[in-house]
C-alpha cells in the first residue's frame, strides 16, 4: 500500500465523492427514462384493452435522452481517468 501525504489523499477522496455523486445522478436519470418507458407501455396496453389507440413517442425525443446519457457516461469516464 502506498503512503500518501494528507493533501494528496484528500484530493483523491474528493474526486471519489464527486464521482459517486455523478454516478448517483446518472442512475436517477436512467431510472427516470426506464420508468417513463414502462409507464408508457402500461398506459398503452390499458388503453388498447379499453379500445383506445396511442402513438409511440417520437424517435428524436428518445434518441435525445440516450445521447444525453451517453454524454454523462463519457464525462464520468473522463473524470475517473484523471
N, C-alpha and C. Protein backbone atom coordinates (compact mmCIF):
# COMPACT_ATOMS: atom_id res chain seq x y z
N UNK A 1 0.84 -1.18 0.00
CA UNK A 1 0.00 0.00 0.00
C UNK A 1 0.88 1.24 0.00
N UNK A 2 0.49 2.22 -0.79
CA UNK A 2 1.29 3.45 -0.91
C UNK A 2 1.01 4.39 0.25
N UNK A 3 2.01 5.16 0.56
CA UNK A 3 1.83 6.20 1.57
C UNK A 3 1.52 7.51 0.84
N UNK A 4 0.45 8.15 1.24
CA UNK A 4 0.05 9.41 0.64
C UNK A 4 0.19 10.49 1.71
N UNK A 5 0.56 11.71 1.25
CA UNK A 5 0.52 12.80 2.22
C UNK A 5 -0.94 13.25 2.34
N UNK A 6 -1.24 14.01 3.35
CA UNK A 6 -2.62 14.38 3.67
C UNK A 6 -3.36 15.07 2.54
N UNK A 7 -2.71 16.02 1.85
CA UNK A 7 -3.40 16.76 0.80
C UNK A 7 -3.68 15.88 -0.41
N UNK A 8 -2.77 14.97 -0.73
CA UNK A 8 -2.97 14.08 -1.87
C UNK A 8 -4.13 13.12 -1.59
N UNK A 9 -4.19 12.61 -0.39
CA UNK A 9 -5.27 11.71 -0.02
C UNK A 9 -6.61 12.45 -0.02
N UNK A 10 -6.61 13.68 0.47
CA UNK A 10 -7.83 14.48 0.49
C UNK A 10 -8.34 14.72 -0.94
N UNK A 11 -7.43 15.00 -1.87
CA UNK A 11 -7.83 15.20 -3.27
C UNK A 11 -8.44 13.93 -3.84
N UNK A 12 -7.87 12.79 -3.53
CA UNK A 12 -8.40 11.52 -4.03
C UNK A 12 -9.79 11.24 -3.44
N UNK A 13 -9.96 11.54 -2.18
CA UNK A 13 -11.27 11.34 -1.55
C UNK A 13 -12.30 12.28 -2.16
N UNK A 14 -11.92 13.52 -2.43
CA UNK A 14 -12.84 14.48 -3.05
C UNK A 14 -13.24 14.03 -4.45
N UNK A 15 -12.28 13.53 -5.22
CA UNK A 15 -12.58 13.00 -6.56
C UNK A 15 -13.54 11.82 -6.46
N UNK A 16 -13.31 10.96 -5.49
CA UNK A 16 -14.17 9.79 -5.30
C UNK A 16 -15.58 10.24 -4.95
N UNK A 17 -15.71 11.17 -4.02
CA UNK A 17 -17.04 11.64 -3.62
C UNK A 17 -17.76 12.31 -4.78
N UNK A 18 -17.03 13.10 -5.59
CA UNK A 18 -17.65 13.74 -6.75
C UNK A 18 -18.11 12.70 -7.76
N UNK A 19 -17.32 11.66 -7.95
CA UNK A 19 -17.69 10.61 -8.90
C UNK A 19 -18.92 9.85 -8.41
N UNK A 20 -19.01 9.62 -7.11
CA UNK A 20 -20.18 8.92 -6.55
C UNK A 20 -21.43 9.76 -6.77
N UNK A 21 -21.34 11.07 -6.55
CA UNK A 21 -22.50 11.95 -6.77
C UNK A 21 -22.90 11.94 -8.24
N UNK A 22 -21.92 11.98 -9.13
CA UNK A 22 -22.20 11.95 -10.56
C UNK A 22 -22.86 10.62 -10.95
N UNK A 23 -22.37 9.54 -10.40
CA UNK A 23 -22.95 8.23 -10.68
C UNK A 23 -24.37 8.13 -10.15
N UNK A 24 -24.62 8.68 -8.99
CA UNK A 24 -25.98 8.67 -8.43
C UNK A 24 -26.92 9.47 -9.33
N UNK A 25 -26.44 10.62 -9.83
CA UNK A 25 -27.25 11.42 -10.74
C UNK A 25 -27.56 10.68 -12.03
N UNK A 26 -26.55 10.01 -12.59
CA UNK A 26 -26.76 9.23 -13.81
C UNK A 26 -27.73 8.08 -13.55
N UNK A 27 -27.62 7.46 -12.38
CA UNK A 27 -28.53 6.37 -12.02
C UNK A 27 -29.97 6.88 -11.99
N UNK A 28 -30.19 8.03 -11.41
CA UNK A 28 -31.53 8.61 -11.35
C UNK A 28 -32.05 8.91 -12.75
N UNK A 29 -31.17 9.44 -13.62
CA UNK A 29 -31.58 9.74 -15.00
C UNK A 29 -32.01 8.48 -15.73
N UNK A 30 -31.22 7.43 -15.59
CA UNK A 30 -31.55 6.16 -16.25
C UNK A 30 -32.85 5.60 -15.68
N UNK A 31 -32.99 5.67 -14.37
CA UNK A 31 -34.20 5.16 -13.72
C UNK A 31 -35.43 5.92 -14.23
N UNK A 32 -35.32 7.24 -14.36
CA UNK A 32 -36.44 8.04 -14.85
C UNK A 32 -36.83 7.64 -16.27
N UNK A 33 -35.82 7.42 -17.12
CA UNK A 33 -36.10 7.03 -18.51
C UNK A 33 -36.79 5.67 -18.54
N UNK A 34 -36.29 4.73 -17.75
CA UNK A 34 -36.89 3.39 -17.73
C UNK A 34 -38.31 3.42 -17.18
N UNK A 35 -38.53 4.15 -16.12
CA UNK A 35 -39.87 4.25 -15.53
C UNK A 35 -40.83 4.88 -16.53
N UNK A 36 -40.37 5.92 -17.22
CA UNK A 36 -41.22 6.57 -18.22
C UNK A 36 -41.61 5.58 -19.32
N UNK A 37 -40.64 4.79 -19.79
CA UNK A 37 -40.93 3.81 -20.84
C UNK A 37 -41.89 2.74 -20.34
N UNK A 38 -41.68 2.26 -19.13
CA UNK A 38 -42.55 1.22 -18.56
C UNK A 38 -43.96 1.76 -18.36
N UNK A 39 -44.08 2.97 -17.84
CA UNK A 39 -45.40 3.56 -17.63
C UNK A 39 -46.12 3.80 -18.95
N UNK A 40 -45.36 4.24 -19.97
CA UNK A 40 -45.99 4.46 -21.27
C UNK A 40 -46.50 3.13 -21.84
N UNK A 41 -45.66 2.09 -21.75
CA UNK A 41 -46.09 0.78 -22.26
C UNK A 41 -47.33 0.28 -21.54
N UNK A 42 -47.37 0.44 -20.23
CA UNK A 42 -48.53 0.01 -19.43
C UNK A 42 -49.77 0.83 -19.78
N UNK A 43 -49.59 2.13 -19.93
CA UNK A 43 -50.70 3.01 -20.29
C UNK A 43 -51.24 2.63 -21.66
N UNK A 44 -50.34 2.34 -22.60
CA UNK A 44 -50.75 1.95 -23.94
C UNK A 44 -51.51 0.62 -23.92
N UNK A 45 -51.02 -0.32 -23.12
CA UNK A 45 -51.68 -1.63 -23.01
C UNK A 45 -53.09 -1.48 -22.43
N UNK A 46 -53.21 -0.68 -21.38
CA UNK A 46 -54.54 -0.47 -20.77
C UNK A 46 -55.47 0.24 -21.75
N UNK A 47 -54.93 1.21 -22.45
CA UNK A 47 -55.74 1.93 -23.44
C UNK A 47 -56.22 1.02 -24.54
N UNK A 48 -55.36 0.12 -25.00
CA UNK A 48 -55.74 -0.84 -26.04
C UNK A 48 -56.86 -1.74 -25.55
N UNK A 49 -56.75 -2.18 -24.29
CA UNK A 49 -57.80 -3.03 -23.72
C UNK A 49 -59.13 -2.29 -23.66
N UNK A 50 -59.07 -0.97 -23.49
CA UNK A 50 -60.29 -0.16 -23.41
C UNK A 50 -60.75 0.33 -24.78
N UNK A 51 -59.99 0.00 -25.83
CA UNK A 51 -60.39 0.38 -27.18
C UNK A 51 -59.76 1.66 -27.69
N UNK A 52 -58.79 2.22 -26.97
CA UNK A 52 -58.11 3.43 -27.41
C UNK A 52 -56.81 3.06 -28.13
N UNK A 53 -56.32 3.97 -28.93
CA UNK A 53 -55.01 3.76 -29.55
C UNK A 53 -54.09 4.89 -29.12
N UNK A 54 -52.81 4.59 -29.09
CA UNK A 54 -51.83 5.59 -28.65
C UNK A 54 -50.70 5.64 -29.66
N UNK A 55 -50.11 6.81 -29.77
CA UNK A 55 -48.95 6.96 -30.64
C UNK A 55 -47.69 6.75 -29.82
N UNK A 56 -46.71 6.09 -30.42
CA UNK A 56 -45.42 5.90 -29.76
C UNK A 56 -44.68 7.23 -29.70
N UNK A 57 -43.81 7.41 -28.70
CA UNK A 57 -43.03 8.64 -28.64
C UNK A 57 -42.17 8.78 -29.90
N UNK A 58 -41.93 10.03 -30.29
CA UNK A 58 -41.12 10.27 -31.48
C UNK A 58 -39.69 9.83 -31.25
N UNK A 59 -39.06 9.35 -32.30
CA UNK A 59 -37.70 8.82 -32.22
C UNK A 59 -36.72 9.89 -31.76
N UNK A 60 -36.89 11.13 -32.24
CA UNK A 60 -35.93 12.19 -31.88
C UNK A 60 -35.85 12.38 -30.37
N UNK A 61 -37.00 12.30 -29.69
CA UNK A 61 -37.02 12.52 -28.25
C UNK A 61 -36.29 11.41 -27.50
N UNK A 62 -36.57 10.16 -27.87
CA UNK A 62 -35.92 9.06 -27.16
C UNK A 62 -34.43 9.04 -27.47
N UNK A 63 -34.03 9.37 -28.70
CA UNK A 63 -32.61 9.43 -29.03
C UNK A 63 -31.92 10.57 -28.29
N UNK A 64 -32.65 11.64 -28.03
CA UNK A 64 -32.07 12.74 -27.27
C UNK A 64 -31.75 12.32 -25.84
N UNK A 65 -32.64 11.53 -25.24
CA UNK A 65 -32.38 11.03 -23.89
C UNK A 65 -31.15 10.14 -23.87
N UNK A 66 -31.03 9.26 -24.86
CA UNK A 66 -29.87 8.37 -24.93
C UNK A 66 -28.60 9.15 -25.18
N UNK A 67 -28.67 10.17 -26.03
CA UNK A 67 -27.49 10.98 -26.30
C UNK A 67 -27.03 11.69 -25.03
N UNK A 68 -27.98 12.19 -24.26
CA UNK A 68 -27.64 12.86 -23.01
C UNK A 68 -27.00 11.88 -22.03
N UNK A 69 -27.53 10.68 -21.94
CA UNK A 69 -26.95 9.68 -21.05
C UNK A 69 -25.54 9.29 -21.51
N UNK A 70 -25.34 9.18 -22.82
CA UNK A 70 -24.00 8.87 -23.33
C UNK A 70 -23.01 9.96 -22.98
N UNK A 71 -23.44 11.21 -23.05
CA UNK A 71 -22.56 12.33 -22.68
C UNK A 71 -22.21 12.25 -21.20
N UNK A 72 -23.17 11.91 -20.36
CA UNK A 72 -22.89 11.82 -18.93
C UNK A 72 -21.93 10.67 -18.63
N UNK A 73 -22.11 9.56 -19.32
CA UNK A 73 -21.22 8.43 -19.11
C UNK A 73 -19.81 8.79 -19.55
N UNK A 74 -19.69 9.49 -20.69
CA UNK A 74 -18.36 9.92 -21.16
C UNK A 74 -17.72 10.87 -20.16
N UNK A 75 -18.50 11.78 -19.61
CA UNK A 75 -17.96 12.73 -18.64
C UNK A 75 -17.50 11.99 -17.38
N UNK A 76 -18.24 10.98 -16.96
CA UNK A 76 -17.83 10.21 -15.78
C UNK A 76 -16.55 9.46 -16.07
N UNK A 77 -16.43 8.89 -17.27
CA UNK A 77 -15.21 8.16 -17.63
C UNK A 77 -14.02 9.10 -17.64
N UNK A 78 -14.22 10.30 -18.20
CA UNK A 78 -13.14 11.28 -18.23
C UNK A 78 -12.72 11.69 -16.83
N UNK A 79 -13.70 11.87 -15.95
CA UNK A 79 -13.39 12.28 -14.58
C UNK A 79 -12.58 11.20 -13.86
N UNK A 80 -12.91 9.95 -14.09
CA UNK A 80 -12.21 8.86 -13.42
C UNK A 80 -10.82 8.61 -14.02
N UNK A 81 -10.62 9.00 -15.29
CA UNK A 81 -9.33 8.74 -15.91
C UNK A 81 -8.26 9.73 -15.47
N UNK A 82 -8.65 10.79 -14.83
CA UNK A 82 -7.67 11.80 -14.37
C UNK A 82 -7.02 11.38 -13.10
